[in-house]
């Protein structure tokens, strides 16, 4: 098994996984393939949605905690 770039050249360094991912070819080699613009857009949208959900959870927990200790969450 070889680790190749999209042009079929053997990779000698670790690629930047923020720009692509490995796919396996028909020979069992791993080929580092760049993300398309559409895939990058989709990844960014999912990351943003996850971040918003986490912030909302933290805000909710902080309000519950403030209510539990008798504080004012506003």
PDB file of N, CA and C in Angstrom:
ATOM      1  N   UNK A   1       0.850  -1.182   0.000  1.00  0.00           N
ATOM      2  CA  UNK A   1       0.000   0.000   0.000  1.00  0.00           C
ATOM      3  C   UNK A   1       0.891   1.238   0.000  1.00  0.00           C
ATOM      4  N   UNK A   2       0.496   2.208  -0.810  1.00  0.00           N
ATOM      5  CA  UNK A   2       1.215   3.473  -0.902  1.00  0.00           C
ATOM      6  C   UNK A   2       0.269   4.600  -0.495  1.00  0.00           C
ATOM      7  N   UNK A   3       0.857   5.721  -0.108  1.00  0.00           N
ATOM      8  CA  UNK A   3       0.087   6.926   0.171  1.00  0.00           C
ATOM      9  C   UNK A   3       0.456   7.937  -0.903  1.00  0.00           C
ATOM     10  N   UNK A   4      -0.539   8.323  -1.700  1.00  0.00           N
ATOM     11  CA  UNK A   4      -0.300   9.132  -2.886  1.00  0.00           C
ATOM     12  C   UNK A   4      -1.041  10.460  -2.835  1.00  0.00           C
ATOM     13  N   UNK A   5      -0.588  11.414  -3.668  1.00  0.00           N
ATOM     14  CA  UNK A   5      -1.360  12.638  -3.864  1.00  0.00           C
ATOM     15  C   UNK A   5      -2.294  12.419  -5.057  1.00  0.00           C
ATOM     16  N   UNK A   6      -3.074  13.415  -5.395  1.00  0.00           N
ATOM     17  CA  UNK A   6      -4.050  13.273  -6.478  1.00  0.00           C
ATOM     18  C   UNK A   6      -3.409  13.011  -7.837  1.00  0.00           C
ATOM     19  N   UNK A   7      -2.133  13.339  -7.965  1.00  0.00           N
ATOM     20  CA  UNK A   7      -1.420  13.124  -9.223  1.00  0.00           C
ATOM     21  C   UNK A   7      -0.713  11.777  -9.281  1.00  0.00           C
ATOM     22  N   UNK A   8      -0.861  10.967  -8.222  1.00  0.00           N
ATOM     23  CA  UNK A   8      -0.235   9.651  -8.201  1.00  0.00           C
ATOM     24  C   UNK A   8       1.179   9.629  -7.659  1.00  0.00           C
ATOM     25  N   UNK A   9       1.654  10.770  -7.163  1.00  0.00           N
ATOM     26  CA  UNK A   9       3.002  10.832  -6.589  1.00  0.00           C
ATOM     27  C   UNK A   9       2.957  10.399  -5.130  1.00  0.00           C
ATOM     28  N   UNK A  10       3.983   9.678  -4.700  1.00  0.00           N
ATOM     29  CA  UNK A  10       4.066   9.214  -3.317  1.00  0.00           C
ATOM     30  C   UNK A  10       4.249  10.412  -2.392  1.00  0.00           C
ATOM     31  N   UNK A  11       3.428  10.478  -1.331  1.00  0.00           N
ATOM     32  CA  UNK A  11       3.555  11.557  -0.342  1.00  0.00           C
ATOM     33  C   UNK A  11       4.648  11.197   0.657  1.00  0.00           C
ATOM     34  N   UNK A  12       5.488  12.168   0.967  1.00  0.00           N
ATOM     35  CA  UNK A  12       6.575  11.947   1.920  1.00  0.00           C
ATOM     36  C   UNK A  12       6.349  12.732   3.205  1.00  0.00           C
ATOM     37  N   UNK A  13       5.331  13.589   3.212  1.00  0.00           N
ATOM     38  CA  UNK A  13       5.000  14.371   4.395  1.00  0.00           C
ATOM     39  C   UNK A  13       3.512  14.191   4.706  1.00  0.00           C
ATOM     40  N   UNK A  14       3.127  14.550   5.902  1.00  0.00           N
ATOM     41  CA  UNK A  14       1.719  14.478   6.294  1.00  0.00           C
ATOM     42  C   UNK A  14       0.971  15.654   5.684  1.00  0.00           C
ATOM     43  N   UNK A  15      -0.097  15.371   4.950  1.00  0.00           N
ATOM     44  CA  UNK A  15      -0.858  16.467   4.336  1.00  0.00           C
ATOM     45  C   UNK A  15      -1.688  17.230   5.370  1.00  0.00           C
ATOM     46  N   UNK A  16      -2.135  18.393   4.981  1.00  0.00           N
ATOM     47  CA  UNK A  16      -2.990  19.237   5.819  1.00  0.00           C
ATOM     48  C   UNK A  16      -4.433  18.735   5.691  1.00  0.00           C
ATOM     49  N   UNK A  17      -4.929  18.071   6.746  1.00  0.00           N
ATOM     50  CA  UNK A  17      -6.259  17.463   6.676  1.00  0.00           C
ATOM     51  C   UNK A  17      -7.390  18.490   6.680  1.00  0.00           C
ATOM     52  N   UNK A  18      -7.076  19.764   6.889  1.00  0.00           N
ATOM     53  CA  UNK A  18      -8.121  20.776   6.766  1.00  0.00           C
ATOM     54  C   UNK A  18      -8.416  21.065   5.290  1.00  0.00           C
ATOM     55  N   UNK A  19      -7.573  20.549   4.399  1.00  0.00           N
ATOM     56  CA  UNK A  19      -7.756  20.793   2.966  1.00  0.00           C
ATOM     57  C   UNK A  19      -8.213  19.564   2.191  1.00  0.00           C
ATOM     58  N   UNK A  20      -8.252  18.403   2.838  1.00  0.00           N
ATOM     59  CA  UNK A  20      -8.649  17.203   2.122  1.00  0.00           C
ATOM     60  C   UNK A  20      -8.721  15.985   3.020  1.00  0.00           C
ATOM     61  N   UNK A  21      -8.842  14.804   2.377  1.00  0.00           N
ATOM     62  CA  UNK A  21      -8.946  13.558   3.120  1.00  0.00           C
ATOM     63  C   UNK A  21      -8.393  12.430   2.244  1.00  0.00           C
ATOM     64  N   UNK A  22      -8.175  11.258   2.896  1.00  0.00           N
ATOM     65  CA  UNK A  22      -7.701  10.082   2.179  1.00  0.00           C
ATOM     66  C   UNK A  22      -8.874   9.289   1.630  1.00  0.00           C
ATOM     67  N   UNK A  23      -8.733   8.809   0.410  1.00  0.00           N
ATOM     68  CA  UNK A  23      -9.663   7.864  -0.189  1.00  0.00           C
ATOM     69  C   UNK A  23      -8.839   6.674  -0.659  1.00  0.00           C
ATOM     70  N   UNK A  24      -9.426   5.488  -0.640  1.00  0.00           N
ATOM     71  CA  UNK A  24      -8.704   4.309  -1.093  1.00  0.00           C
ATOM     72  C   UNK A  24      -8.998   4.060  -2.569  1.00  0.00           C
ATOM     73  N   UNK A  25      -7.941   3.819  -3.349  1.00  0.00           N
ATOM     74  CA  UNK A  25      -8.141   3.537  -4.774  1.00  0.00           C
ATOM     75  C   UNK A  25      -8.326   2.037  -5.002  1.00  0.00           C
ATOM     76  N   UNK A  26      -8.525   1.670  -6.248  1.00  0.00           N
ATOM     77  CA  UNK A  26      -8.797   0.268  -6.590  1.00  0.00           C
ATOM     78  C   UNK A  26      -7.621  -0.662  -6.326  1.00  0.00           C
ATOM     79  N   UNK A  27      -6.423  -0.109  -6.148  1.00  0.00           N
ATOM     80  CA  UNK A  27      -5.229  -0.912  -5.861  1.00  0.00           C
ATOM     81  C   UNK A  27      -4.942  -1.010  -4.361  1.00  0.00           C
ATOM     82  N   UNK A  28      -5.798  -0.415  -3.537  1.00  0.00           N
ATOM     83  CA  UNK A  28      -5.590  -0.444  -2.094  1.00  0.00           C
ATOM     84  C   UNK A  28      -4.716   0.674  -1.578  1.00  0.00           C
ATOM     85  N   UNK A  29      -4.291   1.570  -2.449  1.00  0.00           N
ATOM     86  CA  UNK A  29      -3.476   2.709  -2.035  1.00  0.00           C
ATOM     87  C   UNK A  29      -4.372   3.802  -1.447  1.00  0.00           C
ATOM     88  N   UNK A  30      -3.811   4.573  -0.549  1.00  0.00           N
ATOM     89  CA  UNK A  30      -4.517   5.733  -0.020  1.00  0.00           C
ATOM     90  C   UNK A  30      -4.135   6.946  -0.848  1.00  0.00           C
ATOM     91  N   UNK A  31      -5.137   7.671  -1.319  1.00  0.00           N
ATOM     92  CA  UNK A  31      -4.905   8.850  -2.149  1.00  0.00           C
ATOM     93  C   UNK A  31      -5.457  10.065  -1.415  1.00  0.00           C
ATOM     94  N   UNK A  32      -4.562  11.040  -1.129  1.00  0.00           N
ATOM     95  CA  UNK A  32      -5.011  12.264  -0.472  1.00  0.00           C
ATOM     96  C   UNK A  32      -5.701  13.135  -1.510  1.00  0.00           C
ATOM     97  N   UNK A  33      -6.981  13.405  -1.288  1.00  0.00           N
ATOM     98  CA  UNK A  33      -7.814  14.145  -2.229  1.00  0.00           C
ATOM     99  C   UNK A  33      -8.268  15.449  -1.586  1.00  0.00           C
ATOM    100  N   UNK A  34      -8.120  16.553  -2.311  1.00  0.00           N
ATOM    101  CA  UNK A  34      -8.527  17.868  -1.797  1.00  0.00           C
ATOM    102  C   UNK A  34     -10.053  17.967  -1.709  1.00  0.00           C
ATOM    103  N   UNK A  35     -10.546  18.665  -0.672  1.00  0.00           N
ATOM    104  CA  UNK A  35     -11.974  18.952  -0.566  1.00  0.00           C
ATOM    105  C   UNK A  35     -12.378  19.877  -1.706  1.00  0.00           C
ATOM    106  N   UNK A  36     -13.583  19.694  -2.231  1.00  0.00           N
ATOM    107  CA  UNK A  36     -14.106  20.638  -3.224  1.00  0.00           C
ATOM    108  C   UNK A  36     -14.616  21.874  -2.487  1.00  0.00           C
ATOM    109  N   UNK A  37     -14.844  22.961  -3.204  1.00  0.00           N
ATOM    110  CA  UNK A  37     -15.393  24.174  -2.586  1.00  0.00           C
ATOM    111  C   UNK A  37     -16.741  23.881  -1.936  1.00  0.00           C
ATOM    112  N   UNK A  38     -17.569  23.069  -2.590  1.00  0.00           N
ATOM    113  CA  UNK A  38     -18.882  22.713  -2.044  1.00  0.00           C
ATOM    114  C   UNK A  38     -18.745  21.918  -0.740  1.00  0.00           C
ATOM    115  N   UNK A  39     -17.800  20.972  -0.705  1.00  0.00           N
ATOM    116  CA  UNK A  39     -17.570  20.191   0.513  1.00  0.00           C
ATOM    117  C   UNK A  39     -17.064  21.084   1.640  1.00  0.00           C
ATOM    118  N   UNK A  40     -16.146  22.002   1.329  1.00  0.00           N
ATOM    119  CA  UNK A  40     -15.634  22.920   2.352  1.00  0.00           C
ATOM    120  C   UNK A  40     -16.745  23.799   2.910  1.00  0.00           C
ATOM    121  N   UNK A  41     -17.644  24.259   2.040  1.00  0.00           N
ATOM    122  CA  UNK A  41     -18.773  25.077   2.477  1.00  0.00           C
ATOM    123  C   UNK A  41     -19.668  24.287   3.422  1.00  0.00           C
ATOM    124  N   UNK A  42     -19.958  23.045   3.071  1.00  0.00           N
ATOM    125  CA  UNK A  42     -20.797  22.177   3.897  1.00  0.00           C
ATOM    126  C   UNK A  42     -20.148  21.904   5.254  1.00  0.00           C
ATOM    127  N   UNK A  43     -18.844  21.648   5.257  1.00  0.00           N
ATOM    128  CA  UNK A  43     -18.111  21.408   6.508  1.00  0.00           C
ATOM    129  C   UNK A  43     -18.191  22.635   7.406  1.00  0.00           C
ATOM    130  N   UNK A  44     -17.988  23.815   6.833  1.00  0.00           N
ATOM    131  CA  UNK A  44     -18.025  25.056   7.611  1.00  0.00           C
ATOM    132  C   UNK A  44     -19.411  25.288   8.204  1.00  0.00           C
ATOM    133  N   UNK A  45     -20.470  25.035   7.417  1.00  0.00           N
ATOM    134  CA  UNK A  45     -21.837  25.196   7.918  1.00  0.00           C
ATOM    135  C   UNK A  45     -22.111  24.253   9.089  1.00  0.00           C
ATOM    136  N   UNK A  46     -21.647  23.011   8.987  1.00  0.00           N
ATOM    137  CA  UNK A  46     -21.839  22.044  10.076  1.00  0.00           C
ATOM    138  C   UNK A  46     -21.065  22.451  11.323  1.00  0.00           C
ATOM    139  N   UNK A  47     -19.832  22.938  11.139  1.00  0.00           N
ATOM    140  CA  UNK A  47     -19.038  23.401  12.280  1.00  0.00           C
ATOM    141  C   UNK A  47     -19.724  24.575  12.973  1.00  0.00           C
ATOM    142  N   UNK A  48     -20.253  25.520  12.198  1.00  0.00           N
ATOM    143  CA  UNK A  48     -20.941  26.676  12.767  1.00  0.00           C
ATOM    144  C   UNK A  48     -22.199  26.254  13.525  1.00  0.00           C
ATOM    145  N   UNK A  49     -22.969  25.321  12.966  1.00  0.00           N
ATOM    146  CA  UNK A  49     -24.182  24.843  13.625  1.00  0.00           C
ATOM    147  C   UNK A  49     -23.838  24.153  14.941  1.00  0.00           C
ATOM    148  N   UNK A  50     -22.761  23.373  14.945  1.00  0.00           N
ATOM    149  CA  UNK A  50     -22.326  22.690  16.165  1.00  0.00           C
ATOM    150  C   UNK A  50     -21.895  23.701  17.212  1.00  0.00           C
ATOM    151  N   UNK A  51     -21.175  24.733  16.804  1.00  0.00           N
ATOM    152  CA  UNK A  51     -20.724  25.762  17.731  1.00  0.00           C
ATOM    153  C   UNK A  51     -21.904  26.502  18.348  1.00  0.00           C
ATOM    154  N   UNK A  52     -22.889  26.862  17.542  1.00  0.00           N
ATOM    155  CA  UNK A  52     -24.073  27.555  18.045  1.00  0.00           C
ATOM    156  C   UNK A  52     -24.800  26.673  19.053  1.00  0.00           C
ATOM    157  N   UNK A  53     -24.930  25.378  18.755  1.00  0.00           N
ATOM    158  CA  UNK A  53     -25.607  24.459  19.674  1.00  0.00           C
ATOM    159  C   UNK A  53     -24.868  24.374  21.006  1.00  0.00           C
ATOM    160  N   UNK A  54     -23.546  24.325  20.956  1.00  0.00           N
ATOM    161  CA  UNK A  54     -22.762  24.241  22.198  1.00  0.00           C
ATOM    162  C   UNK A  54     -22.890  25.513  23.025  1.00  0.00           C
ATOM    163  N   UNK A  55     -22.844  26.665  22.372  1.00  0.00           N
ATOM    164  CA  UNK A  55     -22.985  27.936  23.091  1.00  0.00           C
ATOM    165  C   UNK A  55     -24.365  28.009  23.744  1.00  0.00           C
ATOM    166  N   UNK A  56     -25.381  27.577  23.026  1.00  0.00           N
ATOM    167  CA  UNK A  56     -26.740  27.571  23.577  1.00  0.00           C
ATOM    168  C   UNK A  56     -26.819  26.670  24.806  1.00  0.00           C
ATOM    169  N   UNK A  57     -26.177  25.510  24.759  1.00  0.00           N
ATOM    170  CA  UNK A  57     -26.168  24.601  25.909  1.00  0.00           C
ATOM    171  C   UNK A  57     -25.480  25.237  27.110  1.00  0.00           C
ATOM    172  N   UNK A  58     -24.366  25.908  26.873  1.00  0.00           N
ATOM    173  CA  UNK A  58     -23.636  26.555  27.961  1.00  0.00           C
ATOM    174  C   UNK A  58     -24.469  27.685  28.561  1.00  0.00           C
ATOM    175  N   UNK A  59     -25.107  28.480  27.710  1.00  0.00           N
ATOM    176  CA  UNK A  59     -25.966  29.566  28.205  1.00  0.00           C
ATOM    177  C   UNK A  59     -27.101  29.016  29.047  1.00  0.00           C
ATOM    178  N   UNK A  60     -27.727  27.941  28.594  1.00  0.00           N
ATOM    179  CA  UNK A  60     -28.831  27.327  29.319  1.00  0.00           C
ATOM    180  C   UNK A  60     -28.360  26.804  30.676  1.00  0.00           C
ATOM    181  N   UNK A  61     -27.211  26.140  30.696  1.00  0.00           N
ATOM    182  CA  UNK A  61     -26.668  25.610  31.947  1.00  0.00           C
ATOM    183  C   UNK A  61     -26.324  26.741  32.913  1.00  0.00           C
ATOM    184  N   UNK A  62     -25.798  27.841  32.396  1.00  0.00           N
ATOM    185  CA  UNK A  62     -25.457  28.980  33.248  1.00  0.00           C
ATOM    186  C   UNK A  62     -26.719  29.594  33.857  1.00  0.00           C
ATOM    187  N   UNK A  63     -27.782  29.684  33.077  1.00  0.00           N
ATOM    188  CA  UNK A  63     -29.041  30.232  33.604  1.00  0.00           C
ATOM    189  C   UNK A  63     -29.620  29.313  34.672  1.00  0.00           C
ATOM    190  N   UNK A  64     -29.566  28.000  34.451  1.00  0.00           N
ATOM    191  CA  UNK A  64     -30.059  27.051  35.453  1.00  0.00           C
ATOM    192  C   UNK A  64     -29.253  27.151  36.737  1.00  0.00           C
ATOM    193  N   UNK A  65     -27.951  27.245  36.605  1.00  0.00           N
ATOM    194  CA  UNK A  65     -27.087  27.357  37.776  1.00  0.00           C
ATOM    195  C   UNK A  65     -27.381  28.637  38.543  1.00  0.00           C
ATOM    196  N   UNK A  66     -27.568  29.742  37.827  1.00  0.00           N
ATOM    197  CA  UNK A  66     -27.867  31.014  38.485  1.00  0.00           C
ATOM    198  C   UNK A  66     -29.198  30.915  39.229  1.00  0.00           C
ATOM    199  N   UNK A  67     -30.167  30.244  38.662  1.00  0.00           N
ATOM    200  CA  UNK A  67     -31.453  30.081  39.329  1.00  0.00           C
ATOM    201  C   UNK A  67     -31.316  29.196  40.560  1.00  0.00           C
ATOM    202  N   UNK A  68     -30.474  28.152  40.459  1.00  0.00           N
ATOM    203  CA  UNK A  68     -30.278  27.238  41.589  1.00  0.00           C
ATOM    204  C   UNK A  68     -29.653  27.936  42.791  1.00  0.00           C
ATOM    205  N   UNK A  69     -28.749  28.879  42.523  1.00  0.00           N
ATOM    206  CA  UNK A  69     -28.072  29.551  43.641  1.00  0.00           C
ATOM    207  C   UNK A  69     -28.784  30.853  44.017  1.00  0.00           C
ATOM    208  N   UNK A  70     -29.921  31.090  43.378  1.00  0.00           N
ATOM    209  CA  UNK A  70     -30.731  32.234  43.737  1.00  0.00           C
ATOM    210  C   UNK A  70     -30.301  33.541  43.099  1.00  0.00           C
ATOM    211  N   UNK A  71     -29.468  33.472  42.095  1.00  0.00           N
ATOM    212  CA  UNK A  71     -29.006  34.667  41.417  1.00  0.00           C
ATOM    213  C   UNK A  71     -29.971  35.084  40.341  1.00  0.00           C
ATOM    214  N   UNK A  72     -29.616  36.132  39.627  1.00  0.00           N
ATOM    215  CA  UNK A  72     -30.421  36.640  38.530  1.00  0.00           C
ATOM    216  C   UNK A  72     -29.656  36.378  37.244  1.00  0.00           C
ATOM    217  N   UNK A  73     -30.250  35.606  36.333  1.00  0.00           N
ATOM    218  CA  UNK A  73     -29.569  35.228  35.093  1.00  0.00           C
ATOM    219  C   UNK A  73     -29.612  36.342  34.049  1.00  0.00           C
ATOM    220  N   UNK A  74     -30.379  37.357  34.271  1.00  0.00           N
ATOM    221  CA  UNK A  74     -30.545  38.415  33.257  1.00  0.00           C
ATOM    222  C   UNK A  74     -29.447  39.396  33.267  1.00  0.00           C
TER     223      UNK A  74
END
